Amino acid sequence: MTNWEQKKASDFCLSVRDGTHDSPKRVNDGKYLITSRHIVGGEIDLANAYLISNSDYDEVNRRSKVDRWDVLFTMIGTVGEVCLVKNEPNFAIKNIGLFKSKNELNGKWLYYFLQSKKTKQLLDSLKRGTTQAYIPLAELRNLNILYPKSINEAQNIISVLSALDDKIENNHRMNETLEEMAQAIFKSWFVDFDPVHAKATGNAPAHMDAETATLFPTSFAEDGLPEGWDNKTLGDVCKITSGKRPPTKMTAPDSENNISVYGGNGIAWYTNEVLFEPPFIITGRVGTLGTVYRVYEKCWVSDNALCCFPSNKDVLELIYFAMKEIDYQSLNTGSTQPLLTQTTLKTQNIIAPTKEVASAFHQNTEILFKKVLANDEENKTLAELRDTLLPKLMSGEIRVKDAEQEVEAAV
């Protein structure tokens, strides 16, 4: 360890501070304000952030302006999400830890250090609060950062870890493309009714095989739906229930706590008990409205989300995309914060095609989603390798060249 140094985060960075504690008013035209719930999986979700006035934005930035290569850390509510700001930011922050980086190398090193399993476990032990978890700003400032004395050594280590992140990012982009392909099929079949229109005019649908085309009617009923199809509600085709508070203290993933805890924005933390069996669909219930995602693992779901269990697993993809079409903001019944009730969600309309068409859609989209799941599994493996390499490099257990070989074998 003679080739390594240690500094408190307040000395390693230009400064360590947090975002505003005020609540600027929401406006229709302005700049984004993000909180802890808008940082998910190392990325910033601006789709669910709200706008504040330019004057409020400038006021927040006087205290806590975010710049490129700074590191953000969620310190209230969902604690422990880390985000490296790679592009010029167009947002202000509220109740988020801000590590002001000295330069790109400094920011990248801090990002990977905070992502390491050992650091996550340490940060988890620093959490306080009963009704809402948080880490005091003083603890972040006093956090000891270990780093190599040699700049070249730091650059080489970051290069190794970045190669894994690049592969993970490529998989994310591929998954977005695969989902867009599946959504395009849904829109064509169940929104635009392209196969029905094509058959009505005597033309074969260009995007499907002849056998699938025969499953669609050639005309529409008086209600505007294809003949033989029906309007139903989500409550007719799904069992809808709320999640529950986790039974134990939530932690970073380890040998005992490796069951994902899902919230309205995705995986929030980990526990050691299972609440629900897959597959099912989750959407936000409190705070975050409009997120919809599929779950294919045994897990726990927190009480700020609603779970939809299709009565028939073959219609999971159909219900998933139908739920993504819902205008959730119009269903908000909350006063102090957004709220979606089970009753409201159950009454939302969904198109019910014939069993044959539903089965055909499942077969077409299942192929795409199996690839998505394979990419997700690969990303888990790559992330585990990334998060275990850094402590091994720090301890001298392996050298950079050995780490490079492990990465080459993985990607």
Protein backbone atom coordinates (compact mmCIF):
# COMPACT_ATOMS: atom_id res chain seq x y z
CA MET A 1 0.00 0.00 0.00
CA THR A 2 3.05 2.30 -0.08
CA ASN A 3 2.04 3.40 -3.58
CA TRP A 4 -1.34 4.64 -2.36
CA GLU A 5 -2.51 7.73 -0.50
CA GLN A 6 -5.58 8.58 1.49
CA LYS A 7 -7.44 11.87 1.87
CA LYS A 8 -10.77 12.96 3.22
CA ALA A 9 -13.29 13.63 0.45
CA SER A 10 -13.32 17.34 1.35
CA ASP A 11 -9.58 17.47 0.55
CA PHE A 12 -9.65 15.05 -2.37
CA CYS A 13 -12.34 17.19 -4.07
CA LEU A 14 -12.63 20.94 -4.55
CA SER A 15 -15.51 20.72 -2.07
CA VAL A 16 -18.31 18.46 -0.86
CA ARG A 17 -21.72 20.06 -0.50
CA ASP A 18 -25.39 19.33 -1.14
CA GLY A 19 -28.20 20.75 -3.21
CA THR A 20 -30.85 23.17 -2.12
CA HIS A 21 -33.13 22.30 0.79
CA ASP A 22 -35.85 24.63 -0.49
CA SER A 23 -38.76 23.59 -2.72
CA PRO A 24 -38.86 25.90 -5.75
CA LYS A 25 -42.26 26.09 -7.45
CA ARG A 26 -42.98 23.95 -10.48
CA VAL A 27 -43.35 25.91 -13.75
CA ASN A 28 -44.23 25.00 -17.32
CA ASP A 29 -41.13 26.54 -18.89
CA GLY A 30 -37.74 26.69 -17.18
CA LYS A 31 -34.85 24.47 -16.05
CA TYR A 32 -34.86 20.99 -14.51
CA LEU A 33 -34.62 20.33 -10.77
CA ILE A 34 -33.64 16.78 -9.78
CA THR A 35 -33.78 14.95 -6.45
CA SER A 36 -32.52 11.55 -5.27
CA ARG A 37 -35.37 9.72 -7.01
CA HIS A 38 -34.21 11.00 -10.40
CA ILE A 39 -30.87 9.18 -10.19
CA VAL A 40 -31.31 5.52 -11.09
CA GLY A 41 -28.61 3.05 -12.01
CA GLY A 42 -25.99 5.76 -12.34
CA GLU A 43 -28.09 7.75 -14.80
CA ILE A 44 -30.22 10.89 -14.46
CA ASP A 45 -33.88 10.47 -15.37
CA LEU A 46 -35.01 13.90 -16.54
CA ALA A 47 -38.26 12.47 -17.89
CA ASN A 48 -39.69 12.46 -14.37
CA ALA A 49 -38.03 15.68 -13.18
CA TYR A 50 -39.94 18.94 -13.05
CA LEU A 51 -39.09 22.45 -14.22
CA ILE A 52 -38.34 25.48 -12.06
CA SER A 53 -38.03 29.13 -13.09
CA ASN A 54 -34.73 30.45 -14.41
CA SER A 55 -34.41 32.73 -11.39
CA ASP A 56 -34.90 29.82 -8.95
CA TYR A 57 -32.45 27.77 -11.03
CA ASP A 58 -29.81 30.51 -10.74
CA GLU A 59 -30.46 30.82 -7.00
CA VAL A 60 -29.95 27.07 -6.44
CA ASN A 61 -26.75 27.15 -8.50
CA ARG A 62 -25.26 29.91 -6.40
CA ARG A 63 -25.08 27.33 -3.63
CA SER A 64 -24.56 24.06 -5.45
CA LYS A 65 -23.80 24.40 -9.16
CA VAL A 66 -23.11 21.09 -10.88
CA ASP A 67 -20.33 20.94 -13.50
CA ARG A 68 -19.04 18.29 -15.85
CA TRP A 69 -17.10 15.47 -14.10
CA ASP A 70 -18.68 16.22 -10.73
CA VAL A 71 -20.06 13.21 -8.84
CA LEU A 72 -23.62 13.14 -7.47
CA PHE A 73 -24.62 10.97 -4.52
CA THR A 74 -28.17 10.29 -3.33
CA MET A 75 -28.10 11.00 0.41
CA ILE A 76 -31.79 11.20 1.42
CA GLY A 77 -34.52 8.60 0.90
CA THR A 78 -32.91 6.30 -1.63
CA VAL A 79 -29.33 6.44 -0.35
CA GLY A 80 -26.26 5.31 -2.26
CA GLU A 81 -26.93 5.94 -5.96
CA VAL A 82 -23.83 7.41 -7.61
CA CYS A 83 -23.74 9.38 -10.86
CA LEU A 84 -20.75 10.79 -12.77
CA VAL A 85 -21.78 13.91 -14.70
CA LYS A 86 -20.21 13.24 -18.10
CA ASN A 87 -21.89 16.04 -20.07
CA GLU A 88 -22.54 19.71 -19.40
CA PRO A 89 -25.49 19.64 -16.97
CA ASN A 90 -28.81 21.36 -17.62
CA PHE A 91 -30.28 20.79 -14.17
CA ALA A 92 -30.06 21.97 -10.57
CA ILE A 93 -30.10 19.65 -7.54
CA LYS A 94 -32.12 19.33 -4.35
CA ASN A 95 -31.03 17.22 -1.36
CA ILE A 96 -28.32 15.47 -3.39
CA GLY A 97 -24.69 15.16 -2.32
CA LEU A 98 -22.31 16.96 -4.67
CA PHE A 99 -18.63 16.06 -4.87
CA LYS A 100 -16.97 18.90 -6.80
CA SER A 101 -14.20 17.25 -8.81
CA LYS A 102 -10.86 18.88 -9.53
CA ASN A 103 -10.67 17.39 -13.03
CA GLU A 104 -11.89 14.48 -15.16
CA LEU A 105 -9.46 11.95 -13.66
CA ASN A 106 -10.37 13.05 -10.15
CA GLY A 107 -14.10 12.67 -10.86
CA LYS A 108 -13.78 9.27 -12.52
CA TRP A 109 -11.65 7.89 -9.72
CA LEU A 110 -14.12 9.09 -7.09
CA TYR A 111 -17.03 7.61 -9.05
CA TYR A 112 -15.45 4.14 -9.15
CA PHE A 113 -14.32 4.38 -5.54
CA LEU A 114 -17.88 5.14 -4.40
CA GLN A 115 -19.16 2.25 -6.52
CA SER A 116 -16.88 -0.32 -4.91
CA LYS A 117 -18.58 -2.88 -2.67
CA LYS A 118 -16.47 -2.05 0.37
CA THR A 119 -17.27 1.67 0.11
CA LYS A 120 -20.97 0.95 -0.37
CA GLN A 121 -20.99 -1.16 2.77
CA LEU A 122 -19.22 1.61 4.69
CA LEU A 123 -21.69 4.23 3.46
CA ASP A 124 -24.57 1.95 4.36
CA SER A 125 -23.28 1.80 7.96
CA LEU A 126 -23.34 5.61 8.08
CA LYS A 127 -27.05 5.89 7.34
CA ARG A 128 -29.34 7.42 9.91
CA GLY A 129 -33.06 8.04 10.20
CA THR A 130 -36.07 5.91 11.04
CA THR A 131 -38.90 7.12 8.79
CA GLN A 132 -36.49 8.20 6.04
CA ALA A 133 -32.88 7.12 5.65
CA TYR A 134 -30.18 9.72 5.11
CA ILE A 135 -26.43 10.28 5.39
CA PRO A 136 -25.29 13.56 6.98
CA LEU A 137 -23.20 15.83 4.78
CA ALA A 138 -20.42 15.78 7.40
CA GLU A 139 -20.03 12.01 6.89
CA LEU A 140 -19.57 12.48 3.15
CA ARG A 141 -16.97 15.19 3.73
CA ASN A 142 -15.06 12.98 6.17
CA LEU A 143 -15.16 9.89 3.93
CA ASN A 144 -11.61 8.61 3.37
CA ILE A 145 -10.71 8.30 -0.33
CA LEU A 146 -7.89 5.90 -1.20
CA TYR A 147 -6.08 6.55 -4.48
CA PRO A 148 -2.74 5.72 -6.19
CA LYS A 149 0.14 8.17 -5.94
CA SER A 150 0.94 7.63 -9.62
CA ILE A 151 -1.31 9.43 -12.11
CA ASN A 152 -0.45 6.80 -14.73
CA GLU A 153 -1.53 4.04 -12.36
CA ALA A 154 -4.86 5.80 -11.74
CA GLN A 155 -5.39 6.30 -15.48
CA ASN A 156 -4.65 2.62 -16.20
CA ILE A 157 -7.07 1.42 -13.53
CA ILE A 158 -9.79 3.75 -14.78
CA SER A 159 -9.19 2.52 -18.34
CA VAL A 160 -9.74 -1.07 -17.20
CA LEU A 161 -12.96 -0.24 -15.34
CA SER A 162 -14.23 2.02 -18.14
CA ALA A 163 -13.97 -0.86 -20.62
CA LEU A 164 -16.54 -2.73 -18.53
CA ASP A 165 -18.76 0.35 -18.27
CA ASP A 166 -18.61 0.82 -22.05
CA LYS A 167 -19.83 -2.75 -22.60
CA ILE A 168 -22.60 -2.23 -20.04
CA GLU A 169 -23.64 0.99 -21.80
CA ASN A 170 -23.65 -0.77 -25.20
CA ASN A 171 -25.97 -3.40 -23.77
CA HIS A 172 -28.24 -0.68 -22.39
CA ARG A 173 -28.46 0.94 -25.81
CA MET A 174 -29.16 -2.41 -27.45
CA ASN A 175 -31.95 -3.04 -24.95
CA GLU A 176 -33.49 0.35 -25.73
CA THR A 177 -33.49 -0.55 -29.42
CA LEU A 178 -35.02 -3.97 -28.76
CA GLU A 179 -37.79 -2.44 -26.65
CA GLU A 180 -38.46 0.20 -29.29
CA MET A 181 -38.87 -2.61 -31.84
CA ALA A 182 -41.37 -4.40 -29.58
CA GLN A 183 -43.24 -1.14 -28.92
CA ALA A 184 -43.44 -0.47 -32.66
CA ILE A 185 -45.18 -3.81 -33.14
CA PHE A 186 -47.60 -2.97 -30.32
CA LYS A 187 -48.43 0.42 -31.84
CA SER A 188 -48.94 -1.09 -35.27
CA TRP A 189 -51.23 -3.87 -34.04
CA PHE A 190 -53.14 -2.29 -31.17
CA VAL A 191 -53.08 1.48 -31.73
CA ASP A 192 -53.02 1.99 -35.49
CA PHE A 193 -54.61 -1.41 -36.36
CA ASP A 194 -52.36 -1.65 -39.44
CA PRO A 195 -53.04 -5.37 -40.12
CA VAL A 196 -56.81 -4.78 -40.14
CA HIS A 197 -56.54 -1.79 -42.47
CA ALA A 198 -54.19 -3.71 -44.76
CA LYS A 199 -56.50 -6.72 -45.01
CA ALA A 200 -59.53 -4.47 -45.57
CA THR A 201 -57.86 -2.98 -48.64
CA GLY A 202 -56.71 -6.33 -49.95
CA ASN A 203 -53.03 -5.71 -49.16
CA ALA A 204 -50.91 -8.09 -47.13
CA PRO A 205 -49.37 -6.43 -44.05
CA ALA A 206 -45.75 -5.81 -44.96
CA HIS A 207 -44.35 -6.35 -41.46
CA MET A 208 -45.78 -9.80 -40.64
CA ASP A 209 -45.95 -13.29 -42.09
CA ALA A 210 -49.06 -14.50 -43.89
CA GLU A 211 -50.04 -16.93 -41.11
CA THR A 212 -50.10 -14.16 -38.48
CA ALA A 213 -52.04 -11.88 -40.84
CA THR A 214 -54.87 -14.41 -41.01
CA LEU A 215 -55.49 -13.94 -37.28
CA PHE A 216 -56.72 -10.37 -37.79
CA PRO A 217 -60.29 -9.45 -38.85
CA THR A 218 -60.98 -7.41 -41.97
CA SER A 219 -63.44 -4.94 -40.45
CA PHE A 220 -64.21 -2.84 -37.40
CA ALA A 221 -67.15 -3.02 -34.98
CA GLU A 222 -69.29 -0.01 -34.01
CA ASP A 223 -67.08 0.70 -30.99
CA GLY A 224 -64.11 1.29 -33.31
CA LEU A 225 -62.32 -1.90 -32.38
CA PRO A 226 -61.55 -4.74 -34.80
CA GLU A 227 -64.38 -7.28 -35.00
CA GLY A 228 -64.16 -9.80 -32.16
CA TRP A 229 -62.00 -7.61 -29.93
CA ASP A 230 -63.17 -6.06 -26.67
CA ASN A 231 -62.52 -3.22 -24.22
CA LYS A 232 -61.56 -4.34 -20.72
CA THR A 233 -59.96 -2.76 -17.67
CA LEU A 234 -56.61 -3.54 -16.07
CA GLY A 235 -58.54 -4.91 -13.11
CA ASP A 236 -60.19 -7.44 -15.46
CA VAL A 237 -56.90 -8.85 -16.73
CA CYS A 238 -54.55 -8.29 -13.77
CA LYS A 239 -54.35 -8.75 -10.05
CA ILE A 240 -53.20 -5.34 -8.80
CA THR A 241 -51.67 -4.89 -5.37
CA SER A 242 -49.34 -2.53 -3.53
CA GLY A 243 -45.88 -3.39 -2.30
CA LYS A 244 -44.90 -3.38 1.36
CA ARG A 245 -42.21 -1.84 3.50
CA PRO A 246 -39.08 -4.03 3.49
CA PRO A 247 -38.98 -6.35 6.51
CA THR A 248 -35.32 -5.71 7.31
CA LYS A 249 -32.83 -2.90 6.99
CA MET A 250 -32.03 -2.35 3.34
CA THR A 251 -28.36 -2.62 2.36
CA ALA A 252 -26.01 -2.84 -0.57
CA PRO A 253 -25.99 -6.31 -2.18
CA ASP A 254 -24.01 -8.92 -0.23
CA SER A 255 -24.11 -12.64 0.54
CA GLU A 256 -27.12 -12.27 2.87
CA ASN A 257 -28.98 -9.34 1.32
CA ASN A 258 -29.19 -10.15 -2.37
CA ILE A 259 -32.93 -9.81 -2.98
CA SER A 260 -33.71 -6.68 -4.99
CA VAL A 261 -36.04 -4.12 -3.43
CA TYR A 262 -37.99 -2.33 -6.16
CA GLY A 263 -39.53 1.09 -5.77
CA GLY A 264 -41.31 3.38 -8.19
CA ASN A 265 -38.03 4.08 -10.02
CA GLY A 266 -36.53 0.60 -10.14
CA ILE A 267 -34.17 -1.20 -7.74
CA ALA A 268 -33.75 0.94 -4.65
CA TRP A 269 -31.67 -1.38 -2.44
CA TYR A 270 -31.46 -5.01 -1.27
CA THR A 271 -32.92 -7.19 1.48
CA ASN A 272 -33.00 -10.88 2.48
CA GLU A 273 -36.69 -11.80 2.00
CA VAL A 274 -38.92 -12.38 -1.01
CA LEU A 275 -42.34 -10.74 -1.32
CA PHE A 276 -43.38 -11.49 -4.92
CA GLU A 277 -42.64 -14.12 -7.56
CA PRO A 278 -42.12 -13.08 -11.21
CA PRO A 279 -43.15 -12.16 -13.79
CA PHE A 280 -45.14 -8.99 -13.18
CA ILE A 281 -45.24 -5.27 -13.94
CA ILE A 282 -44.50 -2.36 -11.60
CA THR A 283 -45.61 1.25 -11.79
CA GLY A 284 -45.05 4.11 -9.35
CA ARG A 285 -47.68 4.68 -6.65
CA VAL A 286 -46.31 7.54 -4.52
CA GLY A 287 -43.94 10.32 -5.53
CA THR A 288 -42.98 8.91 -8.92
CA LEU A 289 -45.84 8.46 -11.40
CA GLY A 290 -45.49 7.22 -14.97
CA THR A 291 -42.70 4.68 -14.64
CA VAL A 292 -43.60 1.21 -15.92
CA TYR A 293 -41.25 -1.74 -15.98
CA ARG A 294 -41.25 -5.53 -16.09
CA VAL A 295 -39.82 -7.73 -13.33
CA TYR A 296 -38.47 -11.23 -13.96
CA GLU A 297 -36.88 -12.03 -10.58
CA LYS A 298 -37.99 -12.95 -7.08
CA CYS A 299 -37.95 -9.67 -5.22
CA TRP A 300 -39.44 -7.30 -2.66
CA VAL A 301 -41.48 -4.29 -3.79
CA SER A 302 -41.76 -1.23 -1.57
CA ASP A 303 -45.07 0.38 -0.72
CA ASN A 304 -44.43 3.33 -3.05
CA ALA A 305 -45.17 1.11 -6.08
CA LEU A 306 -48.09 -0.89 -7.49
CA CYS A 307 -47.69 -4.40 -8.90
CA CYS A 308 -49.74 -5.86 -11.77
CA PHE A 309 -49.88 -9.65 -12.11
CA PRO A 310 -51.44 -10.69 -15.46
CA SER A 311 -53.97 -13.48 -15.22
CA ASN A 312 -52.21 -15.05 -18.20
CA LYS A 313 -48.42 -14.77 -18.47
CA ASP A 314 -48.66 -14.79 -22.27
CA VAL A 315 -50.17 -11.29 -22.20
CA LEU A 316 -47.45 -9.77 -20.00
CA GLU A 317 -45.87 -7.86 -22.90
CA LEU A 318 -49.24 -6.68 -24.21
CA ILE A 319 -50.28 -5.33 -20.79
CA TYR A 320 -46.84 -3.79 -20.28
CA PHE A 321 -47.06 -1.66 -23.43
CA ALA A 322 -50.72 -0.87 -22.81
CA MET A 323 -49.76 0.46 -19.37
CA LYS A 324 -47.06 2.64 -20.93
CA GLU A 325 -49.80 4.36 -22.96
CA ILE A 326 -51.63 5.57 -19.83
CA ASP A 327 -51.48 9.26 -18.91
CA TYR A 328 -50.53 8.79 -15.26
CA GLN A 329 -50.29 12.49 -14.44
CA SER A 330 -54.02 12.86 -15.14
CA LEU A 331 -54.68 10.09 -12.59
CA ASN A 332 -52.86 11.87 -9.77
CA THR A 333 -55.03 12.13 -6.63
CA GLY A 334 -52.31 13.38 -4.27
CA SER A 335 -52.14 16.84 -2.73
CA THR A 336 -48.70 17.14 -1.15
CA GLN A 337 -47.11 14.55 -3.47
CA PRO A 338 -48.22 12.54 -6.53
CA LEU A 339 -50.40 9.51 -5.74
CA LEU A 340 -51.90 6.72 -7.84
CA THR A 341 -54.44 4.45 -6.10
CA GLN A 342 -55.10 0.80 -6.84
CA THR A 343 -58.73 1.59 -7.58
CA THR A 344 -57.83 4.20 -10.17
CA LEU A 345 -55.33 1.93 -11.91
CA LYS A 346 -57.79 -0.98 -11.99
CA THR A 347 -60.33 1.10 -13.94
CA GLN A 348 -57.96 1.99 -16.79
CA ASN A 349 -59.05 0.67 -20.18
CA ILE A 350 -57.08 -1.92 -22.12
CA ILE A 351 -57.80 -3.46 -25.52
CA ALA A 352 -58.42 -7.19 -25.37
CA PRO A 353 -57.77 -8.86 -28.75
CA THR A 354 -58.57 -12.48 -29.49
CA LYS A 355 -56.45 -15.11 -27.73
CA GLU A 356 -54.81 -15.96 -31.05
CA VAL A 357 -53.68 -12.38 -31.70
CA ALA A 358 -52.50 -11.95 -28.11
CA SER A 359 -50.51 -15.18 -28.41
CA ALA A 360 -48.97 -14.02 -31.70
CA PHE A 361 -47.90 -10.73 -30.11
CA HIS A 362 -46.35 -12.65 -27.22
CA GLN A 363 -44.38 -14.86 -29.61
CA ASN A 364 -43.12 -11.87 -31.61
CA THR A 365 -42.03 -9.81 -28.61
CA GLU A 366 -40.81 -12.63 -26.35
CA ILE A 367 -37.86 -13.16 -28.69
CA LEU A 368 -36.83 -9.53 -28.27
CA PHE A 369 -37.29 -9.49 -24.51
CA LYS A 370 -35.30 -12.71 -24.06
CA LYS A 371 -32.36 -10.87 -25.61
CA VAL A 372 -33.02 -7.94 -23.25
CA LEU A 373 -32.91 -10.32 -20.28
CA ALA A 374 -29.69 -11.89 -21.54
CA ASN A 375 -28.11 -8.44 -21.81
CA ASP A 376 -29.32 -7.57 -18.30
CA GLU A 377 -27.76 -10.74 -16.90
CA GLU A 378 -24.50 -9.99 -18.69
CA ASN A 379 -24.55 -6.45 -17.27
CA LYS A 380 -24.93 -7.83 -13.74
CA THR A 381 -21.87 -9.99 -14.26
CA LEU A 382 -19.88 -7.11 -15.74
CA ALA A 383 -20.91 -4.74 -12.92
CA GLU A 384 -19.90 -7.33 -10.28
CA LEU A 385 -16.52 -7.72 -11.96
CA ARG A 386 -16.06 -3.94 -12.14
CA ASP A 387 -16.97 -3.46 -8.48
CA THR A 388 -14.68 -6.25 -7.26
CA LEU A 389 -11.63 -5.32 -9.36
CA LEU A 390 -11.05 -1.96 -7.66
CA PRO A 391 -10.58 -3.30 -4.10
CA LYS A 392 -8.37 -6.07 -5.47
CA LEU A 393 -6.22 -3.49 -7.24
CA MET A 394 -6.11 -1.36 -4.08
CA SER A 395 -5.03 -4.27 -1.90
CA GLY A 396 -2.37 -5.42 -4.35
CA GLU A 397 -4.18 -8.75 -4.82
CA ILE A 398 -3.96 -8.26 -8.58
CA ARG A 399 -2.01 -5.98 -10.90
CA VAL A 400 -3.43 -3.83 -13.67
CA LYS A 401 -2.22 -6.25 -16.37
CA ASP A 402 -4.02 -9.14 -14.67
CA ALA A 403 -7.17 -7.02 -14.39
CA GLU A 404 -6.93 -6.16 -18.09
CA GLN A 405 -6.88 -9.86 -18.94
CA GLU A 406 -10.00 -10.48 -16.84
CA VAL A 407 -11.79 -7.63 -18.59
CA GLU A 408 -10.75 -8.83 -22.06
CA ALA A 409 -12.15 -12.26 -21.24
CA ALA A 410 -15.43 -10.73 -20.05
CA VAL A 411 -16.11 -8.32 -22.91
